[in-house]
């Protein structure tokens, strides 16, 4: 039997990091586990295209997050809107919960170590902590990419629910990249208003 383990991206509340956990065995022995050696990235197909998009957005988001001074993370354009830090945190939540949607349904006996509500609450609490938020943002892209690697090209037409909409897995990829593009544009605008040019320009 190949060596397997349940990969958990989990930090304690004391350290301030939000918890974005993979499914954990609770307690059946045949629960879904993640392999220590995930499959290699596909070279063609819809998953390869999506992974290329994810790499692009991860690069842009993390570079912009690093370029914005920590004191600007609490800036917001108007009352009732998200701050810069809250937008980054929202993206990290979106990645984490989207990964869960792609993974579901879980096998009997498998649960997540933390609820969706607590993932959002814990991650949003990092909005003003640049160092921890950037780390969480990176982790969210890593976990999303891990799940895509565990899918198969035959899953393209499998039905999933994302952002309150029913879609195929391939359609869910489009929805996610649309949202990532919208929020990246939002953050670029916020940055330029504050006199910060995106580092790739």
N, C-alpha and C. Protein backbone atom coordinates (compact mmCIF):
# COMPACT_ATOMS: atom_id res chain seq x y z
N UNK A 1 0.86 -1.19 0.00
CA UNK A 1 0.00 0.00 0.00
C UNK A 1 0.89 1.23 0.00
N UNK A 2 0.70 2.18 -0.94
CA UNK A 2 1.57 3.36 -1.02
C UNK A 2 1.43 4.22 0.21
N UNK A 3 2.53 4.87 0.56
CA UNK A 3 2.51 5.76 1.71
C UNK A 3 1.66 6.98 1.41
N UNK A 4 0.68 7.25 2.25
CA UNK A 4 -0.21 8.39 2.04
C UNK A 4 -0.29 9.20 3.32
N UNK A 5 -0.70 10.41 3.16
CA UNK A 5 -0.93 11.22 4.34
C UNK A 5 -1.95 12.29 4.02
N UNK A 6 -2.59 12.79 5.05
CA UNK A 6 -3.56 13.86 4.87
C UNK A 6 -2.84 15.17 5.04
N UNK A 7 -2.74 15.94 3.97
CA UNK A 7 -2.01 17.19 4.01
C UNK A 7 -2.90 18.26 4.59
N UNK A 8 -2.43 18.88 5.65
CA UNK A 8 -3.22 19.89 6.35
C UNK A 8 -2.43 21.18 6.39
N UNK A 9 -2.98 22.23 5.81
CA UNK A 9 -2.36 23.55 5.94
C UNK A 9 -3.07 24.20 7.12
N UNK A 10 -2.45 24.16 8.27
CA UNK A 10 -3.14 24.55 9.48
C UNK A 10 -2.18 25.24 10.42
N UNK A 11 -2.53 26.44 10.83
CA UNK A 11 -1.73 27.16 11.80
C UNK A 11 -2.63 27.49 12.97
N UNK A 12 -2.06 27.63 14.12
CA UNK A 12 -2.85 27.86 15.31
C UNK A 12 -3.36 29.28 15.37
N UNK A 13 -4.44 29.46 16.12
CA UNK A 13 -4.98 30.80 16.30
C UNK A 13 -3.95 31.69 16.96
N UNK A 14 -3.15 31.14 17.82
CA UNK A 14 -2.14 31.92 18.51
C UNK A 14 -1.14 32.55 17.57
N UNK A 15 -0.84 31.88 16.47
CA UNK A 15 0.11 32.43 15.52
C UNK A 15 -0.55 33.41 14.59
N UNK A 16 -1.88 33.44 14.58
CA UNK A 16 -2.61 34.39 13.77
C UNK A 16 -2.90 33.91 12.37
N UNK A 17 -2.38 32.76 11.97
CA UNK A 17 -2.62 32.27 10.62
C UNK A 17 -3.97 31.59 10.54
N UNK A 18 -4.66 31.84 9.44
CA UNK A 18 -5.94 31.18 9.21
C UNK A 18 -5.69 29.73 8.86
N UNK A 19 -6.72 28.91 9.06
CA UNK A 19 -6.61 27.49 8.77
C UNK A 19 -7.28 27.19 7.45
N UNK A 20 -6.54 26.60 6.53
CA UNK A 20 -7.08 26.19 5.25
C UNK A 20 -6.72 24.73 5.10
N UNK A 21 -7.59 23.84 5.57
CA UNK A 21 -7.20 22.44 5.70
C UNK A 21 -7.80 21.57 4.61
N UNK A 22 -7.04 20.55 4.24
CA UNK A 22 -7.55 19.52 3.37
C UNK A 22 -8.43 18.59 4.19
N UNK A 23 -9.18 17.75 3.49
CA UNK A 23 -10.04 16.80 4.19
C UNK A 23 -9.20 15.93 5.10
N UNK A 24 -9.73 15.66 6.27
CA UNK A 24 -9.02 14.84 7.24
C UNK A 24 -9.80 13.55 7.50
N UNK A 25 -9.09 12.49 7.79
CA UNK A 25 -9.71 11.21 8.06
C UNK A 25 -10.43 11.26 9.39
N UNK A 26 -11.76 11.00 9.38
CA UNK A 26 -12.56 11.11 10.59
C UNK A 26 -13.64 10.01 10.63
N UNK A 27 -13.41 8.80 11.03
CA UNK A 27 -12.13 8.16 11.32
C UNK A 27 -11.90 6.95 10.43
N UNK A 28 -12.75 6.75 9.37
CA UNK A 28 -12.68 5.54 8.56
C UNK A 28 -11.32 5.37 7.90
N UNK A 29 -10.83 4.13 7.84
CA UNK A 29 -9.51 3.89 7.26
C UNK A 29 -9.47 4.12 5.75
N UNK A 30 -10.64 4.10 5.08
CA UNK A 30 -10.64 4.29 3.63
C UNK A 30 -10.93 5.74 3.25
N UNK A 31 -10.78 6.66 4.21
CA UNK A 31 -11.03 8.07 3.93
C UNK A 31 -10.07 8.58 2.88
N UNK A 32 -10.50 9.65 2.19
CA UNK A 32 -9.67 10.21 1.13
C UNK A 32 -8.40 10.81 1.71
N UNK A 33 -7.26 10.39 1.19
CA UNK A 33 -5.97 10.90 1.64
C UNK A 33 -5.22 11.48 0.45
N UNK A 34 -4.29 12.36 0.75
CA UNK A 34 -3.50 12.97 -0.30
C UNK A 34 -2.12 12.34 -0.37
N UNK A 35 -1.70 12.04 -1.59
CA UNK A 35 -0.42 11.36 -1.76
C UNK A 35 0.74 12.33 -1.51
N UNK A 36 1.80 11.78 -0.98
CA UNK A 36 3.00 12.57 -0.74
C UNK A 36 3.60 13.03 -2.06
N UNK A 37 3.42 12.24 -3.11
CA UNK A 37 3.93 12.59 -4.43
C UNK A 37 2.76 12.82 -5.37
N UNK A 38 2.23 14.06 -5.46
CA UNK A 38 1.08 14.33 -6.32
C UNK A 38 1.43 14.08 -7.78
N UNK A 39 0.42 13.86 -8.61
CA UNK A 39 0.68 13.61 -10.03
C UNK A 39 1.41 14.79 -10.66
N UNK A 40 2.18 14.54 -11.71
CA UNK A 40 2.86 15.64 -12.39
C UNK A 40 1.85 16.54 -13.09
N UNK A 41 2.18 17.82 -13.28
CA UNK A 41 1.26 18.73 -13.96
C UNK A 41 0.97 18.26 -15.39
N UNK A 42 -0.27 18.35 -15.84
CA UNK A 42 -0.59 17.97 -17.22
C UNK A 42 0.04 18.96 -18.20
N UNK A 43 0.40 18.47 -19.38
CA UNK A 43 1.02 19.32 -20.39
C UNK A 43 0.00 19.87 -21.38
N UNK A 44 -1.14 19.21 -21.49
CA UNK A 44 -2.20 19.65 -22.39
C UNK A 44 -3.54 19.48 -21.69
N UNK A 45 -4.58 20.03 -22.29
CA UNK A 45 -5.92 19.87 -21.75
C UNK A 45 -6.36 21.04 -20.90
N UNK A 46 -7.62 20.98 -20.46
CA UNK A 46 -8.19 22.11 -19.74
C UNK A 46 -7.53 22.35 -18.38
N UNK A 47 -7.04 21.28 -17.74
CA UNK A 47 -6.35 21.47 -16.46
C UNK A 47 -5.02 22.19 -16.66
N UNK A 48 -4.31 21.86 -17.72
CA UNK A 48 -3.04 22.53 -18.01
C UNK A 48 -3.28 24.01 -18.26
N UNK A 49 -4.35 24.34 -18.98
CA UNK A 49 -4.68 25.74 -19.24
C UNK A 49 -5.00 26.47 -17.94
N UNK A 50 -5.76 25.82 -17.08
CA UNK A 50 -6.15 26.47 -15.82
C UNK A 50 -4.94 26.65 -14.90
N UNK A 51 -4.08 25.66 -14.84
CA UNK A 51 -2.88 25.78 -14.00
C UNK A 51 -1.98 26.92 -14.48
N UNK A 52 -1.95 27.14 -15.79
CA UNK A 52 -1.19 28.26 -16.33
C UNK A 52 -1.80 29.58 -15.87
N UNK A 53 -3.13 29.66 -15.87
CA UNK A 53 -3.81 30.86 -15.39
C UNK A 53 -3.55 31.08 -13.90
N UNK A 54 -3.60 30.01 -13.13
CA UNK A 54 -3.36 30.12 -11.69
C UNK A 54 -1.95 30.63 -11.42
N UNK A 55 -0.98 30.13 -12.16
CA UNK A 55 0.40 30.58 -11.99
C UNK A 55 0.52 32.07 -12.29
N UNK A 56 -0.17 32.52 -13.33
CA UNK A 56 -0.16 33.94 -13.69
C UNK A 56 -0.73 34.78 -12.55
N UNK A 57 -1.91 34.40 -12.06
CA UNK A 57 -2.55 35.19 -11.01
C UNK A 57 -1.77 35.14 -9.70
N UNK A 58 -1.22 33.98 -9.37
CA UNK A 58 -0.43 33.89 -8.14
C UNK A 58 0.76 34.83 -8.21
N UNK A 59 1.43 34.88 -9.34
CA UNK A 59 2.57 35.78 -9.50
C UNK A 59 2.14 37.24 -9.34
N UNK A 60 1.04 37.63 -9.99
CA UNK A 60 0.58 39.01 -9.92
C UNK A 60 0.13 39.40 -8.51
N UNK A 61 -0.68 38.54 -7.91
CA UNK A 61 -1.21 38.85 -6.58
C UNK A 61 -0.09 38.95 -5.54
N UNK A 62 0.81 37.99 -5.54
CA UNK A 62 1.85 38.00 -4.51
C UNK A 62 2.84 39.15 -4.72
N UNK A 63 3.16 39.46 -5.96
CA UNK A 63 4.06 40.59 -6.21
C UNK A 63 3.42 41.90 -5.79
N UNK A 64 2.13 42.06 -6.08
CA UNK A 64 1.44 43.28 -5.70
C UNK A 64 1.29 43.37 -4.18
N UNK A 65 0.97 42.24 -3.55
CA UNK A 65 0.83 42.22 -2.09
C UNK A 65 2.15 42.60 -1.40
N UNK A 66 3.26 42.15 -1.96
CA UNK A 66 4.56 42.48 -1.39
C UNK A 66 4.91 43.95 -1.63
N UNK A 67 4.49 44.51 -2.76
CA UNK A 67 4.85 45.87 -3.12
C UNK A 67 4.09 46.93 -2.32
N UNK A 68 2.90 46.59 -1.85
CA UNK A 68 2.08 47.56 -1.11
C UNK A 68 2.57 47.63 0.33
N UNK A 69 2.89 48.82 0.84
CA UNK A 69 3.36 48.95 2.22
C UNK A 69 2.31 48.47 3.22
N UNK A 70 2.77 47.92 4.31
CA UNK A 70 1.86 47.36 5.32
C UNK A 70 0.85 48.39 5.82
N UNK A 71 1.27 49.66 5.93
CA UNK A 71 0.36 50.69 6.45
C UNK A 71 -0.78 51.00 5.48
N UNK A 72 -0.65 50.57 4.24
CA UNK A 72 -1.71 50.82 3.26
C UNK A 72 -2.75 49.71 3.24
N UNK A 73 -2.51 48.62 3.95
CA UNK A 73 -3.45 47.51 3.93
C UNK A 73 -4.80 47.88 4.54
N UNK A 74 -4.84 48.90 5.36
CA UNK A 74 -6.10 49.33 5.98
C UNK A 74 -6.81 50.41 5.17
N UNK A 75 -6.23 50.79 4.03
CA UNK A 75 -6.84 51.85 3.20
C UNK A 75 -8.03 51.30 2.44
N UNK A 76 -9.09 52.10 2.37
CA UNK A 76 -10.27 51.76 1.58
C UNK A 76 -10.70 53.00 0.79
N UNK A 77 -11.27 52.81 -0.41
CA UNK A 77 -11.63 53.97 -1.24
C UNK A 77 -12.84 54.73 -0.73
N UNK A 78 -13.71 54.06 0.03
CA UNK A 78 -14.91 54.71 0.56
C UNK A 78 -15.48 53.85 1.67
N UNK A 79 -16.31 54.48 2.52
CA UNK A 79 -16.96 53.73 3.58
C UNK A 79 -17.81 52.61 2.98
N UNK A 80 -17.78 51.46 3.64
CA UNK A 80 -18.59 50.34 3.19
C UNK A 80 -17.93 49.47 2.14
N UNK A 81 -16.70 49.81 1.75
CA UNK A 81 -15.96 48.99 0.78
C UNK A 81 -14.84 48.25 1.49
N UNK A 82 -14.30 47.23 0.84
CA UNK A 82 -13.20 46.48 1.43
C UNK A 82 -11.92 47.29 1.40
N UNK A 83 -11.10 47.07 2.43
CA UNK A 83 -9.76 47.65 2.42
C UNK A 83 -8.88 46.84 1.47
N UNK A 84 -7.67 47.35 1.22
CA UNK A 84 -6.73 46.60 0.40
C UNK A 84 -6.48 45.23 1.01
N UNK A 85 -6.22 45.20 2.31
CA UNK A 85 -5.96 43.93 2.97
C UNK A 85 -7.15 42.99 2.91
N UNK A 86 -8.35 43.54 3.01
CA UNK A 86 -9.55 42.71 2.97
C UNK A 86 -9.76 42.10 1.58
N UNK A 87 -9.36 42.80 0.53
CA UNK A 87 -9.48 42.24 -0.81
C UNK A 87 -8.51 41.06 -0.97
N UNK A 88 -7.27 41.24 -0.52
CA UNK A 88 -6.32 40.13 -0.57
C UNK A 88 -6.83 38.94 0.24
N UNK A 89 -7.37 39.21 1.43
CA UNK A 89 -7.89 38.14 2.28
C UNK A 89 -9.08 37.45 1.61
N UNK A 90 -9.93 38.24 0.98
CA UNK A 90 -11.09 37.68 0.27
C UNK A 90 -10.64 36.73 -0.84
N UNK A 91 -9.59 37.08 -1.55
CA UNK A 91 -9.06 36.21 -2.61
C UNK A 91 -8.54 34.91 -2.02
N UNK A 92 -7.84 35.00 -0.88
CA UNK A 92 -7.35 33.78 -0.23
C UNK A 92 -8.51 32.88 0.19
N UNK A 93 -9.58 33.48 0.71
CA UNK A 93 -10.77 32.70 1.08
C UNK A 93 -11.39 32.06 -0.16
N UNK A 94 -11.50 32.85 -1.22
CA UNK A 94 -12.09 32.35 -2.47
C UNK A 94 -11.33 31.14 -2.99
N UNK A 95 -10.00 31.20 -2.97
CA UNK A 95 -9.18 30.08 -3.42
C UNK A 95 -9.42 28.85 -2.55
N UNK A 96 -9.42 29.06 -1.23
CA UNK A 96 -9.55 27.94 -0.30
C UNK A 96 -10.91 27.26 -0.44
N UNK A 97 -11.98 28.05 -0.51
CA UNK A 97 -13.31 27.46 -0.60
C UNK A 97 -13.58 26.88 -1.99
N UNK A 98 -12.99 27.47 -3.02
CA UNK A 98 -13.12 26.91 -4.37
C UNK A 98 -12.45 25.54 -4.43
N UNK A 99 -11.30 25.40 -3.76
CA UNK A 99 -10.63 24.11 -3.71
C UNK A 99 -11.54 23.06 -3.07
N UNK A 100 -12.25 23.46 -2.03
CA UNK A 100 -13.17 22.52 -1.38
C UNK A 100 -14.29 22.11 -2.33
N UNK A 101 -14.81 23.07 -3.07
CA UNK A 101 -15.90 22.75 -4.00
C UNK A 101 -15.43 21.77 -5.07
N UNK A 102 -14.19 21.92 -5.52
CA UNK A 102 -13.66 21.00 -6.52
C UNK A 102 -13.44 19.61 -5.94
N UNK A 103 -13.11 19.55 -4.67
CA UNK A 103 -12.84 18.27 -4.02
C UNK A 103 -14.12 17.51 -3.71
N UNK A 104 -15.18 18.21 -3.36
CA UNK A 104 -16.43 17.58 -2.93
C UNK A 104 -17.09 16.79 -4.08
N UNK A 105 -17.90 15.77 -3.74
CA UNK A 105 -18.28 15.34 -2.39
C UNK A 105 -17.20 14.50 -1.72
N UNK A 106 -17.09 14.65 -0.41
CA UNK A 106 -16.12 13.87 0.34
C UNK A 106 -16.64 12.45 0.54
N UNK A 107 -15.72 11.54 0.74
CA UNK A 107 -16.11 10.17 1.02
C UNK A 107 -16.73 10.08 2.41
N UNK A 108 -17.56 9.07 2.65
CA UNK A 108 -18.14 8.89 3.99
C UNK A 108 -17.04 8.82 5.05
N UNK A 109 -17.27 9.51 6.15
CA UNK A 109 -16.31 9.50 7.24
C UNK A 109 -15.24 10.56 7.14
N UNK A 110 -15.26 11.35 6.05
CA UNK A 110 -14.26 12.39 5.88
C UNK A 110 -14.89 13.75 6.15
N UNK A 111 -14.23 14.55 6.96
CA UNK A 111 -14.70 15.90 7.24
C UNK A 111 -13.52 16.87 7.13
N UNK A 112 -13.83 18.14 7.06
CA UNK A 112 -12.79 19.15 7.10
C UNK A 112 -12.50 19.49 8.55
N UNK A 113 -11.26 19.86 8.82
CA UNK A 113 -10.88 20.19 10.19
C UNK A 113 -11.38 21.54 10.65
N UNK A 114 -11.96 22.31 9.73
CA UNK A 114 -12.46 23.64 10.06
C UNK A 114 -13.60 23.96 9.10
N UNK A 115 -14.61 24.65 9.58
CA UNK A 115 -15.77 24.97 8.74
C UNK A 115 -15.44 26.06 7.74
N UNK A 116 -16.26 26.15 6.69
CA UNK A 116 -16.08 27.22 5.71
C UNK A 116 -16.17 28.59 6.37
N UNK A 117 -17.10 28.70 7.31
CA UNK A 117 -17.28 29.99 7.99
C UNK A 117 -16.03 30.39 8.77
N UNK A 118 -15.39 29.41 9.41
CA UNK A 118 -14.19 29.72 10.18
C UNK A 118 -12.99 29.98 9.28
N UNK A 119 -12.95 29.31 8.11
CA UNK A 119 -11.89 29.63 7.15
C UNK A 119 -11.98 31.10 6.78
N UNK A 120 -13.19 31.55 6.48
CA UNK A 120 -13.38 32.95 6.10
C UNK A 120 -13.07 33.89 7.27
N UNK A 121 -13.60 33.58 8.43
CA UNK A 121 -13.38 34.43 9.61
C UNK A 121 -11.90 34.55 9.95
N UNK A 122 -11.20 33.42 10.00
CA UNK A 122 -9.79 33.43 10.37
C UNK A 122 -8.93 34.15 9.34
N UNK A 123 -9.25 33.95 8.07
CA UNK A 123 -8.46 34.59 7.02
C UNK A 123 -8.71 36.08 6.98
N UNK A 124 -9.96 36.49 7.09
CA UNK A 124 -10.27 37.92 7.07
C UNK A 124 -9.66 38.65 8.26
N UNK A 125 -9.43 37.93 9.36
CA UNK A 125 -8.83 38.56 10.53
C UNK A 125 -7.38 38.96 10.29
N UNK A 126 -6.79 38.48 9.21
CA UNK A 126 -5.40 38.80 8.88
C UNK A 126 -5.28 40.02 7.99
N UNK A 127 -6.39 40.68 7.68
CA UNK A 127 -6.41 41.74 6.68
C UNK A 127 -5.39 42.85 6.92
N UNK A 128 -5.08 43.14 8.18
CA UNK A 128 -4.13 44.21 8.49
C UNK A 128 -2.73 43.70 8.83
N UNK A 129 -2.53 42.40 8.70
CA UNK A 129 -1.22 41.81 9.00
C UNK A 129 -0.58 41.37 7.69
N UNK A 130 0.19 42.24 7.09
CA UNK A 130 0.73 41.97 5.76
C UNK A 130 1.51 40.66 5.70
N UNK A 131 2.43 40.45 6.59
CA UNK A 131 3.29 39.27 6.52
C UNK A 131 2.48 37.98 6.55
N UNK A 132 1.56 37.88 7.50
CA UNK A 132 0.77 36.65 7.62
C UNK A 132 -0.23 36.52 6.49
N UNK A 133 -0.76 37.64 6.02
CA UNK A 133 -1.73 37.58 4.94
C UNK A 133 -1.08 37.14 3.63
N UNK A 134 0.11 37.64 3.34
CA UNK A 134 0.81 37.23 2.13
C UNK A 134 1.11 35.73 2.19
N UNK A 135 1.50 35.25 3.36
CA UNK A 135 1.75 33.82 3.53
C UNK A 135 0.47 33.02 3.28
N UNK A 136 -0.64 33.49 3.83
CA UNK A 136 -1.91 32.79 3.64
C UNK A 136 -2.34 32.81 2.17
N UNK A 137 -2.09 33.93 1.50
CA UNK A 137 -2.42 34.05 0.08
C UNK A 137 -1.66 33.02 -0.74
N UNK A 138 -0.38 32.89 -0.46
CA UNK A 138 0.44 31.89 -1.16
C UNK A 138 -0.09 30.47 -0.89
N UNK A 139 -0.40 30.21 0.37
CA UNK A 139 -0.91 28.89 0.74
C UNK A 139 -2.21 28.56 0.01
N UNK A 140 -3.06 29.58 -0.18
CA UNK A 140 -4.34 29.33 -0.84
C UNK A 140 -4.14 28.95 -2.30
N UNK A 141 -3.19 29.57 -2.97
CA UNK A 141 -2.91 29.19 -4.36
C UNK A 141 -2.29 27.79 -4.43
N UNK A 142 -1.44 27.48 -3.46
CA UNK A 142 -0.82 26.15 -3.42
C UNK A 142 -1.87 25.06 -3.23
N UNK A 143 -2.81 25.27 -2.33
CA UNK A 143 -3.83 24.25 -2.07
C UNK A 143 -4.76 24.09 -3.26
N UNK A 144 -5.07 25.20 -3.94
CA UNK A 144 -5.92 25.13 -5.12
C UNK A 144 -5.23 24.35 -6.23
N UNK A 145 -3.96 24.64 -6.43
CA UNK A 145 -3.19 23.94 -7.46
C UNK A 145 -3.10 22.44 -7.15
N UNK A 146 -2.92 22.11 -5.87
CA UNK A 146 -2.85 20.70 -5.45
C UNK A 146 -4.11 19.96 -5.83
N UNK A 147 -5.26 20.59 -5.62
CA UNK A 147 -6.52 19.93 -5.93
C UNK A 147 -6.69 19.73 -7.43
N UNK A 148 -6.29 20.71 -8.22
CA UNK A 148 -6.39 20.57 -9.68
C UNK A 148 -5.55 19.41 -10.17
N UNK A 149 -4.38 19.22 -9.57
CA UNK A 149 -3.51 18.10 -9.95
C UNK A 149 -4.15 16.75 -9.66
N UNK A 150 -5.00 16.73 -8.64
CA UNK A 150 -5.64 15.47 -8.26
C UNK A 150 -6.89 15.15 -9.08
N UNK A 151 -7.35 16.13 -9.87
CA UNK A 151 -8.46 15.88 -10.78
C UNK A 151 -7.94 15.17 -12.03
N UNK A 152 -8.86 14.70 -12.84
CA UNK A 152 -8.52 14.07 -14.11
C UNK A 152 -9.19 14.84 -15.23
N UNK A 153 -8.65 14.71 -16.43
CA UNK A 153 -9.28 15.37 -17.58
C UNK A 153 -10.70 14.87 -17.79
N UNK A 154 -10.98 13.65 -17.37
CA UNK A 154 -12.33 13.08 -17.50
C UNK A 154 -13.34 13.77 -16.58
N UNK A 155 -12.85 14.59 -15.62
CA UNK A 155 -13.73 15.31 -14.71
C UNK A 155 -14.29 16.59 -15.31
N UNK A 156 -13.91 16.91 -16.55
CA UNK A 156 -14.26 18.21 -17.15
C UNK A 156 -15.75 18.52 -17.09
N UNK A 157 -16.60 17.51 -17.31
CA UNK A 157 -18.05 17.73 -17.37
C UNK A 157 -18.75 17.40 -16.06
N UNK A 158 -17.99 17.07 -15.03
CA UNK A 158 -18.59 16.79 -13.72
C UNK A 158 -19.22 18.06 -13.16
N UNK A 159 -20.40 17.93 -12.59
CA UNK A 159 -21.13 19.09 -12.07
C UNK A 159 -20.57 19.53 -10.72
N UNK A 160 -20.37 20.83 -10.59
CA UNK A 160 -19.91 21.44 -9.35
C UNK A 160 -20.71 22.71 -9.10
N UNK A 161 -20.72 23.17 -7.84
CA UNK A 161 -21.38 24.42 -7.51
C UNK A 161 -20.33 25.40 -7.01
N UNK A 162 -20.21 26.54 -7.69
CA UNK A 162 -19.20 27.53 -7.35
C UNK A 162 -19.82 28.91 -7.43
N UNK A 163 -19.60 29.72 -6.39
CA UNK A 163 -20.16 31.07 -6.33
C UNK A 163 -21.68 31.05 -6.50
N UNK A 164 -22.30 30.01 -5.95
CA UNK A 164 -23.75 29.91 -6.00
C UNK A 164 -24.30 29.47 -7.34
N UNK A 165 -23.43 29.05 -8.26
CA UNK A 165 -23.86 28.66 -9.59
C UNK A 165 -23.50 27.20 -9.86
N UNK A 166 -24.38 26.51 -10.57
CA UNK A 166 -24.09 25.16 -11.00
C UNK A 166 -23.24 25.24 -12.27
N UNK A 167 -22.17 24.49 -12.31
CA UNK A 167 -21.29 24.51 -13.46
C UNK A 167 -20.53 23.19 -13.54
N UNK A 168 -19.97 22.93 -14.70
CA UNK A 168 -19.06 21.80 -14.83
C UNK A 168 -17.73 22.20 -14.19
N UNK A 169 -16.83 21.24 -14.02
CA UNK A 169 -15.51 21.57 -13.48
C UNK A 169 -14.82 22.57 -14.41
N UNK A 170 -14.92 22.33 -15.71
CA UNK A 170 -14.30 23.26 -16.66
C UNK A 170 -14.94 24.64 -16.56
N UNK A 171 -16.25 24.68 -16.40
CA UNK A 171 -16.94 25.96 -16.23
C UNK A 171 -16.56 26.65 -14.94
N UNK A 172 -16.35 25.84 -13.88
CA UNK A 172 -15.94 26.40 -12.60
C UNK A 172 -14.57 27.08 -12.72
N UNK A 173 -13.69 26.51 -13.54
CA UNK A 173 -12.38 27.13 -13.77
C UNK A 173 -12.55 28.51 -14.39
N UNK A 174 -13.48 28.64 -15.34
CA UNK A 174 -13.73 29.93 -15.96
C UNK A 174 -14.26 30.93 -14.93
N UNK A 175 -15.20 30.49 -14.09
CA UNK A 175 -15.76 31.36 -13.06
C UNK A 175 -14.68 31.86 -12.12
N UNK A 176 -13.79 30.97 -11.74
CA UNK A 176 -12.75 31.34 -10.78
C UNK A 176 -11.77 32.33 -11.40
N UNK A 177 -11.35 32.09 -12.64
CA UNK A 177 -10.41 33.02 -13.27
C UNK A 177 -11.07 34.37 -13.52
N UNK A 178 -12.36 34.40 -13.81
CA UNK A 178 -13.07 35.67 -13.96
C UNK A 178 -13.01 36.48 -12.67
N UNK A 179 -13.27 35.81 -11.56
CA UNK A 179 -13.25 36.49 -10.27
C UNK A 179 -11.84 36.93 -9.90
N UNK A 180 -10.86 36.10 -10.17
CA UNK A 180 -9.47 36.48 -9.88
C UNK A 180 -9.07 37.70 -10.71
N UNK A 181 -9.52 37.75 -11.95
CA UNK A 181 -9.21 38.89 -12.80
C UNK A 181 -9.87 40.17 -12.30
N UNK A 182 -11.12 40.07 -11.87
CA UNK A 182 -11.84 41.24 -11.37
C UNK A 182 -11.16 41.82 -10.13
N UNK A 183 -10.79 40.96 -9.20
CA UNK A 183 -10.19 41.45 -7.95
C UNK A 183 -8.76 41.95 -8.17
N UNK A 184 -8.06 41.36 -9.14
CA UNK A 184 -6.72 41.87 -9.45
C UNK A 184 -6.83 43.29 -10.01
N UNK A 185 -7.79 43.51 -10.91
CA UNK A 185 -7.99 44.85 -11.44
C UNK A 185 -8.36 45.83 -10.34
N UNK A 186 -9.17 45.40 -9.40
CA UNK A 186 -9.55 46.23 -8.26
C UNK A 186 -8.33 46.64 -7.45
N UNK A 187 -7.45 45.67 -7.17
CA UNK A 187 -6.25 45.95 -6.37
C UNK A 187 -5.26 46.83 -7.13
N UNK A 188 -5.17 46.66 -8.43
CA UNK A 188 -4.29 47.52 -9.22
C UNK A 188 -4.78 48.97 -9.14
N UNK A 189 -6.09 49.15 -9.25
CA UNK A 189 -6.65 50.50 -9.14
C UNK A 189 -6.38 51.09 -7.76
N UNK A 190 -6.60 50.31 -6.71
CA UNK A 190 -6.34 50.78 -5.35
C UNK A 190 -4.87 51.18 -5.19
N UNK A 191 -4.00 50.37 -5.77
CA UNK A 191 -2.56 50.63 -5.65
C UNK A 191 -2.18 51.94 -6.33
N UNK A 192 -2.68 52.13 -7.52
CA UNK A 192 -2.32 53.34 -8.27
C UNK A 192 -2.88 54.60 -7.61
N UNK A 193 -4.06 54.50 -7.03
CA UNK A 193 -4.63 55.64 -6.30
C UNK A 193 -3.68 56.04 -5.17
N UNK A 194 -2.99 55.06 -4.60
CA UNK A 194 -2.06 55.30 -3.49
C UNK A 194 -0.62 55.53 -3.98
N UNK A 195 -0.47 55.74 -5.29
CA UNK A 195 0.85 56.05 -5.83
C UNK A 195 1.78 54.85 -5.93
N UNK A 196 1.22 53.65 -5.98
CA UNK A 196 2.04 52.42 -6.05
C UNK A 196 1.83 51.78 -7.42
N UNK A 197 2.88 51.66 -8.17
CA UNK A 197 2.79 51.03 -9.49
C UNK A 197 2.99 49.53 -9.36
N UNK A 198 2.17 48.73 -10.02
CA UNK A 198 2.39 47.28 -9.99
C UNK A 198 3.82 46.96 -10.41
N UNK A 199 4.50 46.08 -9.71
CA UNK A 199 5.92 45.82 -9.99
C UNK A 199 6.21 45.23 -11.35
N UNK A 200 5.23 44.68 -12.05
CA UNK A 200 5.48 44.09 -13.35
C UNK A 200 5.32 45.11 -14.49
N UNK A 201 4.92 46.37 -14.16
CA UNK A 201 4.75 47.38 -15.21
C UNK A 201 6.02 48.17 -15.44
